[in-house]
C-alpha cells in the first residue's frame, strides 16, 4: 500500500518538470488581494505569483497574515534547530537531559511554562511598543528600521532588503513544514517516509 501511494505521488509530480510550452488546454486564475501582490514572497516555487490557496486574505488583513506567517516561521526555525540540536550536538546535563524534545517538554513543571509564557508576552509587548515608534519586525510594510537589529545586518539597499526578506520567508516556510514533519513522525510513527529525526 505504501509503495503504491509513493509511486502515485511520484508519477503525479512529473507534470511539474514538463516545460510550460508543452502544457496545453488549461489556465488558472487565482483570486489574490492586490495588497498581497506587492509583498515579498512570490518566487519560482509559486510560479512568480502571490500564493494564497485558502484565500485567507479575504478574511484577514494582508499585513496581519504576513506578520503571523513570519512570527510562526521564526518560531518554527527555532523549533527545528531545537529538535535536532540535542540529538546531534549535545545538551546540558540535568533533570531535563534527554535527546527527546517532547519528553523534555513534558518533564518541565508548571513554573517553567508560566515563566516562558511571561517571557513571550514581554517580547510581544516590546514588538508592539517598537511598532508604535515606527519600527517593524516585518519591514515590508513601510518601516525602514527593524525592531531588533543589534548587529546591523539589515541592508540599506532596497534590492538587498527584498532578497533578505525573501530568503527569510522561504526559510520560515520550509521550517514550518519541517517541524510539522518532525512532529508527525514522532506522534504517528511511519507517517513520514525516510524521517531522519524521529
C-alpha atoms as a PDB file:
ATOM      1  CA  UNK A   1       0.000   0.000   0.000  1.00  0.00           C
ATOM      2  CA  UNK A   2       2.806   2.418   0.914  1.00  0.00           C
ATOM      3  CA  UNK A   3       4.618   1.595  -2.312  1.00  0.00           C
ATOM      4  CA  UNK A   4       1.513   2.319  -4.387  1.00  0.00           C
ATOM      5  CA  UNK A   5       0.959   5.643  -2.607  1.00  0.00           C
ATOM      6  CA  UNK A   6       4.572   6.747  -3.068  1.00  0.00           C
ATOM      7  CA  UNK A   7       4.525   5.639  -6.710  1.00  0.00           C
ATOM      8  CA  UNK A   8       1.334   7.618  -7.435  1.00  0.00           C
ATOM      9  CA  UNK A   9       2.786  10.719  -5.776  1.00  0.00           C
ATOM     10  CA  UNK A  10       5.993  10.462  -7.801  1.00  0.00           C
ATOM     11  CA  UNK A  11       4.124   9.928 -11.072  1.00  0.00           C
ATOM     12  CA  UNK A  12       1.779  12.820 -10.292  1.00  0.00           C
ATOM     13  CA  UNK A  13       4.673  15.183  -9.641  1.00  0.00           C
ATOM     14  CA  UNK A  14       6.250  14.529 -13.049  1.00  0.00           C
ATOM     15  CA  UNK A  15       3.983  17.213 -14.543  1.00  0.00           C
ATOM     16  CA  UNK A  16       5.986  19.820 -12.643  1.00  0.00           C
ATOM     17  CA  UNK A  17       9.003  19.092 -14.852  1.00  0.00           C
ATOM     18  CA  UNK A  18       7.202  19.387 -18.188  1.00  0.00           C
ATOM     19  CA  UNK A  19       8.152  22.625 -19.969  1.00  0.00           C
ATOM     20  CA  UNK A  20       5.376  25.198 -19.825  1.00  0.00           C
ATOM     21  CA  UNK A  21       5.164  25.490 -23.634  1.00  0.00           C
ATOM     22  CA  UNK A  22       4.037  21.859 -23.896  1.00  0.00           C
ATOM     23  CA  UNK A  23       1.239  22.275 -21.360  1.00  0.00           C
ATOM     24  CA  UNK A  24      -1.907  22.850 -23.312  1.00  0.00           C
ATOM     25  CA  UNK A  25      -5.562  23.184 -22.563  1.00  0.00           C
ATOM     26  CA  UNK A  26      -5.911  24.788 -19.159  1.00  0.00           C
ATOM     27  CA  UNK A  27      -5.415  28.054 -17.393  1.00  0.00           C
ATOM     28  CA  UNK A  28      -5.969  29.015 -13.806  1.00  0.00           C
ATOM     29  CA  UNK A  29      -6.903  32.243 -12.181  1.00  0.00           C
ATOM     30  CA  UNK A  30      -6.251  32.899  -8.545  1.00  0.00           C
ATOM     31  CA  UNK A  31      -8.252  35.435  -6.607  1.00  0.00           C
ATOM     32  CA  UNK A  32      -5.447  37.367  -4.926  1.00  0.00           C
ATOM     33  CA  UNK A  33      -5.670  40.580  -2.955  1.00  0.00           C
ATOM     34  CA  UNK A  34      -3.773  43.450  -4.650  1.00  0.00           C
ATOM     35  CA  UNK A  35      -2.072  44.104  -1.289  1.00  0.00           C
ATOM     36  CA  UNK A  36      -0.676  40.575  -1.383  1.00  0.00           C
ATOM     37  CA  UNK A  37       0.821  41.126  -4.833  1.00  0.00           C
ATOM     38  CA  UNK A  38       3.113  43.899  -3.575  1.00  0.00           C
ATOM     39  CA  UNK A  39       4.646  41.772  -0.809  1.00  0.00           C
ATOM     40  CA  UNK A  40       7.826  39.759  -0.982  1.00  0.00           C
ATOM     41  CA  UNK A  41       7.123  36.053  -1.337  1.00  0.00           C
ATOM     42  CA  UNK A  42       6.232  35.388  -4.952  1.00  0.00           C
ATOM     43  CA  UNK A  43       9.071  33.351  -6.407  1.00  0.00           C
ATOM     44  CA  UNK A  44       9.861  30.331  -8.555  1.00  0.00           C
ATOM     45  CA  UNK A  45       8.090  27.970  -6.140  1.00  0.00           C
ATOM     46  CA  UNK A  46       4.795  29.823  -6.531  1.00  0.00           C
ATOM     47  CA  UNK A  47       5.046  30.451 -10.256  1.00  0.00           C
ATOM     48  CA  UNK A  48       6.068  34.059  -9.734  1.00  0.00           C
ATOM     49  CA  UNK A  49       2.643  34.935  -8.310  1.00  0.00           C
ATOM     50  CA  UNK A  50       1.336  35.511  -4.822  1.00  0.00           C
ATOM     51  CA  UNK A  51       0.229  32.287  -3.191  1.00  0.00           C
ATOM     52  CA  UNK A  52      -2.903  32.221  -1.050  1.00  0.00           C
ATOM     53  CA  UNK A  53      -4.667  28.937  -1.865  1.00  0.00           C
ATOM     54  CA  UNK A  54      -7.160  29.205   1.016  1.00  0.00           C
ATOM     55  CA  UNK A  55      -7.996  32.862   0.289  1.00  0.00           C
ATOM     56  CA  UNK A  56      -7.017  33.800   3.842  1.00  0.00           C
ATOM     57  CA  UNK A  57      -6.538  37.420   2.795  1.00  0.00           C
ATOM     58  CA  UNK A  58     -10.240  37.623   2.006  1.00  0.00           C
ATOM     59  CA  UNK A  59     -10.911  37.332   5.744  1.00  0.00           C
ATOM     60  CA  UNK A  60      -7.917  38.934   7.470  1.00  0.00           C
ATOM     61  CA  UNK A  61      -5.814  41.950   6.535  1.00  0.00           C
ATOM     62  CA  UNK A  62      -2.765  41.113   4.418  1.00  0.00           C
ATOM     63  CA  UNK A  63      -0.425  42.807   6.881  1.00  0.00           C
ATOM     64  CA  UNK A  64      -1.754  40.674   9.756  1.00  0.00           C
ATOM     65  CA  UNK A  65      -1.461  37.467   7.704  1.00  0.00           C
ATOM     66  CA  UNK A  66       2.163  38.221   6.766  1.00  0.00           C
ATOM     67  CA  UNK A  67       3.085  39.125  10.346  1.00  0.00           C
ATOM     68  CA  UNK A  68       1.542  35.860  11.549  1.00  0.00           C
ATOM     69  CA  UNK A  69       3.361  33.899   8.836  1.00  0.00           C
ATOM     70  CA  UNK A  70       6.722  35.435   9.769  1.00  0.00           C
ATOM     71  CA  UNK A  71       6.194  35.064  13.517  1.00  0.00           C
ATOM     72  CA  UNK A  72       5.198  31.405  13.166  1.00  0.00           C
ATOM     73  CA  UNK A  73       8.027  30.812  10.706  1.00  0.00           C
ATOM     74  CA  UNK A  74      10.618  32.269  13.069  1.00  0.00           C
ATOM     75  CA  UNK A  75       9.326  30.088  15.903  1.00  0.00           C
ATOM     76  CA  UNK A  76       9.413  27.076  13.566  1.00  0.00           C
ATOM     77  CA  UNK A  77      13.042  27.817  12.640  1.00  0.00           C
ATOM     78  CA  UNK A  78      13.981  27.862  16.332  1.00  0.00           C
ATOM     79  CA  UNK A  79      11.919  24.729  16.996  1.00  0.00           C
ATOM     80  CA  UNK A  80      13.597  22.873  14.134  1.00  0.00           C
ATOM     81  CA  UNK A  81      17.043  23.680  15.494  1.00  0.00           C
ATOM     82  CA  UNK A  82      15.851  22.763  18.992  1.00  0.00           C
ATOM     83  CA  UNK A  83      14.590  19.415  17.736  1.00  0.00           C
ATOM     84  CA  UNK A  84      17.866  18.478  16.031  1.00  0.00           C
ATOM     85  CA  UNK A  85      20.433  20.066  18.369  1.00  0.00           C
ATOM     86  CA  UNK A  86      20.223  17.754  21.436  1.00  0.00           C
ATOM     87  CA  UNK A  87      20.494  14.603  19.366  1.00  0.00           C
ATOM     88  CA  UNK A  88      23.432  15.570  17.157  1.00  0.00           C
ATOM     89  CA  UNK A  89      25.284  18.355  19.010  1.00  0.00           C
ATOM     90  CA  UNK A  90      24.581  17.771  22.688  1.00  0.00           C
ATOM     91  CA  UNK A  91      22.725  19.130  25.678  1.00  0.00           C
ATOM     92  CA  UNK A  92      23.325  20.203  29.265  1.00  0.00           C
ATOM     93  CA  UNK A  93      23.225  17.537  31.943  1.00  0.00           C
ATOM     94  CA  UNK A  94      20.444  17.787  34.482  1.00  0.00           C
ATOM     95  CA  UNK A  95      16.954  16.647  35.351  1.00  0.00           C
ATOM     96  CA  UNK A  96      15.665  17.501  31.863  1.00  0.00           C
ATOM     97  CA  UNK A  97      18.549  15.878  29.995  1.00  0.00           C
ATOM     98  CA  UNK A  98      17.205  13.873  27.108  1.00  0.00           C
ATOM     99  CA  UNK A  99      17.593  13.723  23.359  1.00  0.00           C
ATOM    100  CA  UNK A 100      13.812  13.523  23.008  1.00  0.00           C
ATOM    101  CA  UNK A 101      12.391  17.068  22.680  1.00  0.00           C
ATOM    102  CA  UNK A 102       8.827  16.060  23.555  1.00  0.00           C
ATOM    103  CA  UNK A 103       9.953  14.147  26.652  1.00  0.00           C
ATOM    104  CA  UNK A 104      11.975  17.198  27.744  1.00  0.00           C
ATOM    105  CA  UNK A 105       8.931  19.455  27.335  1.00  0.00           C
ATOM    106  CA  UNK A 106       6.795  17.018  29.339  1.00  0.00           C
ATOM    107  CA  UNK A 107       9.356  16.998  32.183  1.00  0.00           C
ATOM    108  CA  UNK A 108       9.124  20.778  32.659  1.00  0.00           C
ATOM    109  CA  UNK A 109       6.971  21.837  35.587  1.00  0.00           C
ATOM    110  CA  UNK A 110       4.262  24.479  35.628  1.00  0.00           C
ATOM    111  CA  UNK A 111       6.596  27.221  36.881  1.00  0.00           C
ATOM    112  CA  UNK A 112       8.762  26.919  33.762  1.00  0.00           C
ATOM    113  CA  UNK A 113       5.770  27.214  31.448  1.00  0.00           C
ATOM    114  CA  UNK A 114       4.449  30.248  33.364  1.00  0.00           C
ATOM    115  CA  UNK A 115       7.842  31.964  33.046  1.00  0.00           C
ATOM    116  CA  UNK A 116       8.096  31.007  29.376  1.00  0.00           C
ATOM    117  CA  UNK A 117       4.661  32.455  28.599  1.00  0.00           C
ATOM    118  CA  UNK A 118       5.558  35.637  30.520  1.00  0.00           C
ATOM    119  CA  UNK A 119       8.803  35.944  28.514  1.00  0.00           C
ATOM    120  CA  UNK A 120       6.929  35.524  25.220  1.00  0.00           C
ATOM    121  CA  UNK A 121       4.442  38.158  26.373  1.00  0.00           C
ATOM    122  CA  UNK A 122       7.304  40.546  27.179  1.00  0.00           C
ATOM    123  CA  UNK A 123       8.683  40.078  23.656  1.00  0.00           C
ATOM    124  CA  UNK A 124       5.258  40.782  22.172  1.00  0.00           C
ATOM    125  CA  UNK A 125       4.864  43.952  24.269  1.00  0.00           C
ATOM    126  CA  UNK A 126       8.328  45.115  23.167  1.00  0.00           C
ATOM    127  CA  UNK A 127       7.493  44.474  19.492  1.00  0.00           C
ATOM    128  CA  UNK A 128       4.226  46.384  19.876  1.00  0.00           C
ATOM    129  CA  UNK A 129       5.951  49.351  21.532  1.00  0.00           C
ATOM    130  CA  UNK A 130       8.581  49.460  18.795  1.00  0.00           C
ATOM    131  CA  UNK A 131       5.886  49.371  16.106  1.00  0.00           C
ATOM    132  CA  UNK A 132       4.263  52.378  17.784  1.00  0.00           C
ATOM    133  CA  UNK A 133       7.658  54.115  17.442  1.00  0.00           C
ATOM    134  CA  UNK A 134       7.750  53.499  13.671  1.00  0.00           C
ATOM    135  CA  UNK A 135       9.839  50.327  13.604  1.00  0.00           C
ATOM    136  CA  UNK A 136       8.647  46.960  12.373  1.00  0.00           C
ATOM    137  CA  UNK A 137       9.541  43.291  12.625  1.00  0.00           C
ATOM    138  CA  UNK A 138       8.125  42.994   9.107  1.00  0.00           C
ATOM    139  CA  UNK A 139       9.817  45.935   7.330  1.00  0.00           C
ATOM    140  CA  UNK A 140       7.855  45.160   4.156  1.00  0.00           C
ATOM    141  CA  UNK A 141       5.101  47.418   5.475  1.00  0.00           C
ATOM    142  CA  UNK A 142       6.889  50.727   5.150  1.00  0.00           C
ATOM    143  CA  UNK A 143       9.170  50.918   8.196  1.00  0.00           C
ATOM    144  CA  UNK A 144      12.821  51.244   7.221  1.00  0.00           C
ATOM    145  CA  UNK A 145      14.142  50.113  10.584  1.00  0.00           C
ATOM    146  CA  UNK A 146      13.590  46.652  12.017  1.00  0.00           C
ATOM    147  CA  UNK A 147      12.631  46.274  15.675  1.00  0.00           C
ATOM    148  CA  UNK A 148      15.786  44.397  16.590  1.00  0.00           C
ATOM    149  CA  UNK A 149      18.985  44.514  14.544  1.00  0.00           C
ATOM    150  CA  UNK A 150      21.811  44.508  17.073  1.00  0.00           C
ATOM    151  CA  UNK A 151      24.486  43.520  14.521  1.00  0.00           C
ATOM    152  CA  UNK A 152      23.211  45.940  11.858  1.00  0.00           C
ATOM    153  CA  UNK A 153      22.651  43.179   9.292  1.00  0.00           C
ATOM    154  CA  UNK A 154      19.553  44.671   7.660  1.00  0.00           C
ATOM    155  CA  UNK A 155      20.730  46.074   4.295  1.00  0.00           C
ATOM    156  CA  UNK A 156      20.311  49.717   3.360  1.00  0.00           C
ATOM    157  CA  UNK A 157      19.905  48.861  -0.347  1.00  0.00           C
ATOM    158  CA  UNK A 158      16.291  48.145  -1.367  1.00  0.00           C
ATOM    159  CA  UNK A 159      17.181  45.222  -3.684  1.00  0.00           C
ATOM    160  CA  UNK A 160      19.264  43.535  -0.985  1.00  0.00           C
ATOM    161  CA  UNK A 161      16.441  44.068   1.518  1.00  0.00           C
ATOM    162  CA  UNK A 162      13.977  42.280  -0.725  1.00  0.00           C
ATOM    163  CA  UNK A 163      16.479  39.458  -1.248  1.00  0.00           C
ATOM    164  CA  UNK A 164      16.981  39.068   2.512  1.00  0.00           C
ATOM    165  CA  UNK A 165      13.232  39.213   3.205  1.00  0.00           C
ATOM    166  CA  UNK A 166      12.557  36.573   0.552  1.00  0.00           C
ATOM    167  CA  UNK A 167      15.284  34.313   1.967  1.00  0.00           C
ATOM    168  CA  UNK A 168      13.833  34.631   5.473  1.00  0.00           C
ATOM    169  CA  UNK A 169      10.323  33.911   4.230  1.00  0.00           C
ATOM    170  CA  UNK A 170      11.450  30.835   2.278  1.00  0.00           C
ATOM    171  CA  UNK A 171      13.399  29.522   5.270  1.00  0.00           C
ATOM    172  CA  UNK A 172      10.414  30.180   7.527  1.00  0.00           C
ATOM    173  CA  UNK A 173       8.042  28.303   5.225  1.00  0.00           C
ATOM    174  CA  UNK A 174      10.461  25.384   4.971  1.00  0.00           C
ATOM    175  CA  UNK A 175      10.915  25.289   8.754  1.00  0.00           C
ATOM    176  CA  UNK A 176       7.146  25.217   9.296  1.00  0.00           C
ATOM    177  CA  UNK A 177       6.898  22.200   7.004  1.00  0.00           C
ATOM    178  CA  UNK A 178       9.962  20.624   8.634  1.00  0.00           C
ATOM    179  CA  UNK A 179       8.787  20.906  12.231  1.00  0.00           C
ATOM    180  CA  UNK A 180       5.342  19.655  11.214  1.00  0.00           C
ATOM    181  CA  UNK A 181       7.048  16.642   9.618  1.00  0.00           C
ATOM    182  CA  UNK A 182       9.153  16.002  12.737  1.00  0.00           C
ATOM    183  CA  UNK A 183       6.067  16.180  14.961  1.00  0.00           C
ATOM    184  CA  UNK A 184       4.051  13.920  12.636  1.00  0.00           C
ATOM    185  CA  UNK A 185       6.885  11.411  12.559  1.00  0.00           C
ATOM    186  CA  UNK A 186       7.145  11.478  16.352  1.00  0.00           C
ATOM    187  CA  UNK A 187       3.434  11.119  17.146  1.00  0.00           C
ATOM    188  CA  UNK A 188       2.499   8.886  14.184  1.00  0.00           C
ATOM    189  CA  UNK A 189       5.426   6.527  13.610  1.00  0.00           C
ATOM    190  CA  UNK A 190       5.896   5.651   9.957  1.00  0.00           C
ATOM    191  CA  UNK A 191       3.841   8.600   8.712  1.00  0.00           C
ATOM    192  CA  UNK A 192       6.851  10.383   7.208  1.00  0.00           C
ATOM    193  CA  UNK A 193       8.931   8.298   4.805  1.00  0.00           C
ATOM    194  CA  UNK A 194      12.689   8.440   5.434  1.00  0.00           C
ATOM    195  CA  UNK A 195      12.256  10.676   8.517  1.00  0.00           C
ATOM    196  CA  UNK A 196      15.779  11.189   9.894  1.00  0.00           C
ATOM    197  CA  UNK A 197      14.911  12.969  13.156  1.00  0.00           C
ATOM    198  CA  UNK A 198      12.058  10.896  14.563  1.00  0.00           C
END
